N, C-alpha and C. Protein backbone atom coordinates (compact mmCIF):
# COMPACT_ATOMS: atom_id res chain seq x y z
N MET A 1 28.17 -1.58 25.13
CA MET A 1 27.44 -1.98 24.31
C MET A 1 28.45 -2.35 23.24
N GLN A 2 28.86 -3.75 22.36
CA GLN A 2 29.47 -3.12 21.36
C GLN A 2 28.69 -3.96 19.90
N ARG A 3 28.95 -2.75 18.83
CA ARG A 3 28.11 -3.11 17.51
C ARG A 3 28.17 -4.07 17.02
N ASP A 4 27.28 -4.64 16.98
CA ASP A 4 27.16 -6.06 15.80
C ASP A 4 28.12 -5.27 14.65
N ALA A 5 29.26 -6.83 13.91
CA ALA A 5 29.48 -6.09 12.37
C ALA A 5 29.37 -6.90 11.08
N LEU A 6 28.12 -7.05 12.15
CA LEU A 6 27.73 -8.18 10.22
C LEU A 6 26.90 -6.90 9.28
N PRO A 7 26.39 -6.07 10.27
CA PRO A 7 25.86 -5.15 8.73
C PRO A 7 27.50 -4.72 8.23
N PHE A 8 27.95 -4.39 8.90
CA PHE A 8 29.05 -3.41 8.22
C PHE A 8 29.63 -4.47 7.01
N TYR A 9 29.68 -5.47 7.27
CA TYR A 9 31.13 -6.55 6.59
C TYR A 9 29.63 -7.21 5.14
N ARG A 10 27.95 -6.80 5.42
CA ARG A 10 27.62 -6.69 4.83
C ARG A 10 27.37 -5.68 3.17
N VAL A 11 27.86 -4.73 4.16
CA VAL A 11 27.65 -3.58 2.82
C VAL A 11 29.22 -3.58 2.51
N MET A 12 29.95 -4.13 2.99
CA MET A 12 31.41 -4.09 2.38
C MET A 12 31.34 -5.44 1.21
N ALA A 13 30.71 -5.95 1.32
CA ALA A 13 31.13 -7.62 0.48
C ALA A 13 30.46 -6.98 -0.55
N TYR A 14 28.69 -6.28 -0.57
CA TYR A 14 27.72 -5.65 -2.02
C TYR A 14 28.95 -4.36 -2.10
N VAL A 15 29.71 -3.70 -1.63
CA VAL A 15 30.22 -2.50 -2.58
C VAL A 15 31.62 -2.96 -3.42
N SER A 16 32.28 -4.19 -2.27
CA SER A 16 33.33 -4.72 -2.90
C SER A 16 33.77 -5.38 -4.28
N GLY A 17 32.03 -6.00 -4.07
CA GLY A 17 32.10 -7.16 -5.11
C GLY A 17 31.83 -6.14 -6.45
N VAL A 18 30.81 -5.04 -5.96
CA VAL A 18 30.16 -4.02 -7.34
C VAL A 18 31.49 -3.91 -7.86
N PHE A 19 32.55 -2.85 -6.93
CA PHE A 19 33.44 -2.57 -7.53
C PHE A 19 35.12 -3.44 -8.01
N LEU A 20 34.45 -4.57 -8.07
CA LEU A 20 35.28 -5.94 -8.59
C LEU A 20 34.91 -5.90 -10.09
N LEU A 21 33.24 -5.80 -10.27
CA LEU A 21 32.87 -5.91 -11.27
C LEU A 21 33.21 -5.24 -12.14
N VAL A 22 33.28 -3.57 -11.37
CA VAL A 22 33.05 -2.29 -12.48
C VAL A 22 34.96 -2.59 -12.76
N LEU A 23 35.74 -3.15 -12.16
CA LEU A 23 37.14 -3.83 -12.24
C LEU A 23 37.32 -4.35 -13.77
N CYS A 24 36.53 -5.61 -13.17
CA CYS A 24 36.43 -6.22 -14.54
C CYS A 24 36.04 -5.69 -15.91
N VAL A 25 35.32 -5.08 -16.22
CA VAL A 25 34.77 -4.55 -16.81
C VAL A 25 35.74 -2.81 -17.61
N ALA A 26 36.45 -2.50 -16.43
CA ALA A 26 37.78 -1.65 -16.62
C ALA A 26 38.92 -2.44 -17.41
N MET A 27 39.30 -3.07 -17.40
CA MET A 27 40.32 -4.57 -17.17
C MET A 27 39.74 -4.74 -19.08
N PHE A 28 38.77 -5.16 -19.59
CA PHE A 28 38.63 -4.94 -20.74
C PHE A 28 38.39 -4.49 -21.67
N ILE A 29 37.55 -2.84 -21.22
CA ILE A 29 38.00 -1.25 -21.56
C ILE A 29 40.05 -0.84 -22.03
N ARG A 30 40.43 -1.88 -21.26
CA ARG A 30 42.10 -1.38 -20.90
C ARG A 30 42.50 -2.58 -21.59
N TYR A 31 42.40 -3.79 -21.87
CA TYR A 31 43.18 -5.06 -22.99
C TYR A 31 42.66 -5.31 -23.71
N GLY A 32 41.38 -5.15 -23.90
CA GLY A 32 40.34 -5.23 -25.13
C GLY A 32 41.11 -4.54 -25.96
N PRO A 33 39.12 -4.51 -27.03
CA PRO A 33 39.60 -3.89 -28.14
C PRO A 33 39.82 -2.11 -28.02
N PRO A 34 39.18 -1.25 -27.47
CA PRO A 34 38.67 -0.39 -27.06
C PRO A 34 40.36 0.44 -26.70
N ASP A 35 41.41 -0.80 -26.17
CA ASP A 35 42.97 -0.61 -25.62
C ASP A 35 42.71 0.91 -24.68
N ASP A 36 42.53 1.53 -24.03
CA ASP A 36 42.03 2.61 -22.90
C ASP A 36 42.22 2.87 -21.61
N PRO A 37 43.47 2.73 -21.34
CA PRO A 37 43.45 2.36 -20.08
C PRO A 37 43.42 3.55 -18.33
N SER A 38 42.66 4.96 -19.31
CA SER A 38 41.95 5.49 -18.18
C SER A 38 40.93 4.94 -17.23
N MET A 39 39.94 4.40 -17.40
CA MET A 39 38.73 4.13 -16.61
C MET A 39 39.50 3.02 -15.57
N SER A 40 40.79 1.86 -16.20
CA SER A 40 41.30 0.68 -14.92
C SER A 40 42.51 1.75 -14.09
N ALA A 41 43.19 3.24 -14.39
CA ALA A 41 43.62 3.89 -13.66
C ALA A 41 42.93 4.46 -12.89
N VAL A 42 41.37 4.59 -12.90
CA VAL A 42 40.71 5.17 -11.91
C VAL A 42 40.34 4.33 -10.79
N VAL A 43 39.71 3.26 -10.60
CA VAL A 43 38.73 1.88 -10.92
C VAL A 43 39.86 1.15 -9.72
N SER A 44 40.49 0.62 -10.26
CA SER A 44 42.22 -0.64 -9.52
C SER A 44 41.67 0.39 -8.27
N PRO A 45 42.90 1.51 -8.17
CA PRO A 45 43.15 1.86 -6.66
C PRO A 45 41.62 2.12 -5.96
N ILE A 46 40.85 2.28 -6.08
CA ILE A 46 39.46 2.78 -5.73
C ILE A 46 38.85 1.34 -5.11
N HIS A 47 39.39 0.09 -5.16
CA HIS A 47 38.65 -1.12 -5.47
C HIS A 47 39.99 -2.07 -4.60
N GLY A 48 40.50 -1.53 -4.97
CA GLY A 48 42.29 -2.24 -3.89
C GLY A 48 42.02 -1.49 -2.19
N TRP A 49 41.63 -0.02 -2.31
CA TRP A 49 41.23 0.57 -0.86
C TRP A 49 39.78 -0.05 -0.21
N LEU A 50 38.79 -0.75 -1.14
CA LEU A 50 37.63 -0.84 -0.70
C LEU A 50 38.31 -3.05 -0.42
N TYR A 51 38.84 -3.09 -1.04
CA TYR A 51 38.85 -4.79 -0.57
C TYR A 51 39.89 -4.58 0.74
N VAL A 52 40.41 -3.68 1.21
CA VAL A 52 41.31 -3.26 2.36
C VAL A 52 40.16 -3.42 3.55
N VAL A 53 39.43 -2.47 2.97
CA VAL A 53 38.48 -2.28 3.87
C VAL A 53 37.28 -3.20 4.19
N TYR A 54 36.75 -4.11 2.99
CA TYR A 54 36.68 -4.99 3.39
C TYR A 54 37.17 -6.46 4.29
N LEU A 55 38.71 -6.16 3.93
CA LEU A 55 39.19 -7.34 4.75
C LEU A 55 39.45 -7.17 6.44
N ILE A 56 39.05 -6.07 6.92
CA ILE A 56 39.18 -5.25 8.10
C ILE A 56 37.09 -5.51 8.43
N ALA A 57 36.58 -5.63 7.30
CA ALA A 57 35.12 -5.92 7.88
C ALA A 57 34.94 -7.91 8.43
N VAL A 58 35.40 -8.76 7.32
CA VAL A 58 35.83 -9.73 7.37
C VAL A 58 36.28 -10.19 8.71
N GLY A 59 37.93 -9.34 9.30
CA GLY A 59 38.52 -9.38 10.23
C GLY A 59 37.48 -9.34 11.49
N LEU A 60 36.40 -7.84 11.78
CA LEU A 60 35.98 -7.73 12.74
C LEU A 60 34.70 -8.89 13.30
N LEU A 61 34.51 -8.88 12.04
CA LEU A 61 33.38 -10.03 12.29
C LEU A 61 33.85 -11.59 12.81
N ALA A 62 34.84 -12.06 12.41
CA ALA A 62 35.33 -13.39 12.58
C ALA A 62 36.13 -12.87 14.23
N TYR A 63 36.62 -12.07 14.51
CA TYR A 63 36.66 -11.87 15.90
C TYR A 63 35.36 -11.61 16.76
N GLN A 64 34.33 -11.17 16.02
CA GLN A 64 33.22 -10.67 17.18
C GLN A 64 32.20 -11.83 17.29
N ARG A 65 32.50 -12.36 16.58
CA ARG A 65 31.55 -14.21 15.91
C ARG A 65 32.58 -15.05 16.87
N ARG A 66 33.88 -15.20 16.78
CA ARG A 66 35.20 -16.14 17.49
C ARG A 66 34.88 -17.31 16.11
N TRP A 67 34.74 -17.05 14.78
CA TRP A 67 35.00 -17.89 13.58
C TRP A 67 36.50 -17.78 13.66
N THR A 68 37.17 -19.38 12.86
CA THR A 68 38.57 -19.30 13.00
C THR A 68 38.77 -20.41 11.57
N GLY A 69 39.61 -20.54 11.31
CA GLY A 69 39.87 -21.93 10.11
C GLY A 69 39.39 -21.20 8.62
N TRP A 70 39.55 -22.26 8.31
CA TRP A 70 39.70 -21.99 6.27
C TRP A 70 37.96 -21.41 6.07
N ALA A 71 36.91 -21.06 6.71
CA ALA A 71 35.92 -20.44 6.54
C ALA A 71 36.29 -18.84 6.30
N VAL A 72 37.33 -18.15 7.30
CA VAL A 72 37.26 -16.83 7.39
C VAL A 72 37.99 -16.56 6.43
N GLY A 73 38.87 -17.94 5.85
CA GLY A 73 40.29 -17.49 5.13
C GLY A 73 39.49 -17.09 3.69
N LEU A 74 38.29 -17.82 3.40
CA LEU A 74 37.74 -17.94 2.04
C LEU A 74 36.29 -17.10 2.16
N ILE A 75 36.33 -16.31 3.22
CA ILE A 75 35.29 -15.25 3.01
C ILE A 75 36.19 -14.19 2.74
N ALA A 76 37.18 -14.03 3.37
CA ALA A 76 38.37 -13.02 2.61
C ALA A 76 38.75 -13.04 1.78
N LEU A 77 38.95 -14.12 1.06
CA LEU A 77 39.46 -14.07 -0.49
C LEU A 77 38.43 -13.99 -1.71
N ALA A 78 36.96 -14.09 -0.79
CA ALA A 78 35.68 -13.86 -1.80
C ALA A 78 36.08 -12.74 -2.40
N GLY A 79 36.67 -11.70 -1.73
CA GLY A 79 36.28 -10.35 -2.33
C GLY A 79 37.75 -10.00 -3.65
N THR A 80 38.11 -11.01 -3.87
CA THR A 80 39.01 -11.13 -4.94
C THR A 80 38.74 -11.95 -6.38
N VAL A 81 37.29 -12.71 -5.97
CA VAL A 81 37.30 -13.39 -7.15
C VAL A 81 35.58 -12.67 -7.33
N PRO A 82 35.27 -12.88 -8.73
CA PRO A 82 34.28 -11.74 -9.32
C PRO A 82 32.80 -12.85 -8.94
N LEU A 83 31.83 -11.60 -8.00
CA LEU A 83 30.62 -12.65 -7.62
C LEU A 83 30.82 -13.19 -6.56
N ALA A 84 31.92 -13.66 -6.26
CA ALA A 84 31.96 -14.24 -4.85
C ALA A 84 32.12 -13.88 -4.07
N SER A 85 32.24 -12.51 -3.41
CA SER A 85 31.40 -11.92 -2.27
C SER A 85 30.08 -11.64 -1.84
N PHE A 86 29.35 -12.10 -3.54
CA PHE A 86 27.92 -12.35 -3.14
C PHE A 86 27.71 -13.08 -2.43
N PHE A 87 27.76 -14.25 -3.12
CA PHE A 87 27.74 -15.93 -2.59
C PHE A 87 28.27 -15.88 -1.11
N ALA A 88 29.86 -15.65 -0.54
CA ALA A 88 30.08 -15.31 0.85
C ALA A 88 29.60 -14.66 1.42
N GLU A 89 28.64 -13.59 1.23
CA GLU A 89 27.64 -12.44 2.33
C GLU A 89 26.55 -14.05 2.32
N ARG A 90 25.38 -14.07 1.69
CA ARG A 90 24.34 -15.30 1.37
C ARG A 90 25.18 -16.26 3.07
N TYR A 91 26.01 -16.70 2.40
CA TYR A 91 26.96 -18.14 3.57
C TYR A 91 27.10 -17.13 4.88
N VAL A 92 27.45 -16.22 4.87
CA VAL A 92 27.74 -15.40 5.99
C VAL A 92 26.69 -15.29 7.28
N VAL A 93 25.66 -14.42 6.41
CA VAL A 93 24.03 -14.10 7.34
C VAL A 93 23.73 -15.55 7.31
N LYS A 94 23.88 -16.69 6.74
CA LYS A 94 22.79 -17.55 6.94
C LYS A 94 23.36 -18.22 8.41
N ARG A 95 24.58 -18.64 8.12
CA ARG A 95 25.65 -18.54 9.24
C ARG A 95 25.65 -17.80 10.69
N ALA A 96 25.56 -16.79 10.29
CA ALA A 96 25.38 -16.02 11.86
C ALA A 96 23.67 -16.14 12.02
N ARG A 97 22.57 -15.84 11.33
CA ARG A 97 21.44 -16.56 11.68
C ARG A 97 21.04 -17.64 12.34
N VAL A 98 22.03 -18.29 12.27
CA VAL A 98 21.71 -20.13 12.51
C VAL A 98 22.29 -19.92 13.92
N GLU A 99 23.84 -19.41 14.14
CA GLU A 99 24.79 -19.36 15.63
C GLU A 99 23.74 -18.48 16.36
N ALA A 100 22.96 -17.31 15.53
CA ALA A 100 22.13 -16.47 16.79
C ALA A 100 21.05 -17.48 17.29
N ARG A 101 20.25 -18.56 16.48
CA ARG A 101 18.98 -19.10 16.98
C ARG A 101 19.37 -20.15 18.24
N VAL A 102 20.97 -20.81 17.83
CA VAL A 102 21.41 -21.44 19.04
C VAL A 102 21.55 -21.15 20.16
N ARG A 103 22.25 -19.85 20.59
CA ARG A 103 22.44 -18.67 21.67
C ARG A 103 21.15 -18.69 22.11
């Protein structure tokens, strides 16, 4: 029996979204008035790797649910826009629940 990819995707959407917000703060600190690059030097690679895991979660979910097209691409790109992964997560959960009722 195959595990459902939805919980993994949900966790990664939130984790990636939170780290993207932390990265935005780090960029403000780096290029803003304090001008300190130390925080962004730590947060940037962490977010980068978490985004890769997020893309894997999107891929697993799309493969498992047989989703294709623009929606999957937009869900994947949601990890690059602040706050978008939270909205994408809500969309994915609603779509998955609707599909579960239809089956």
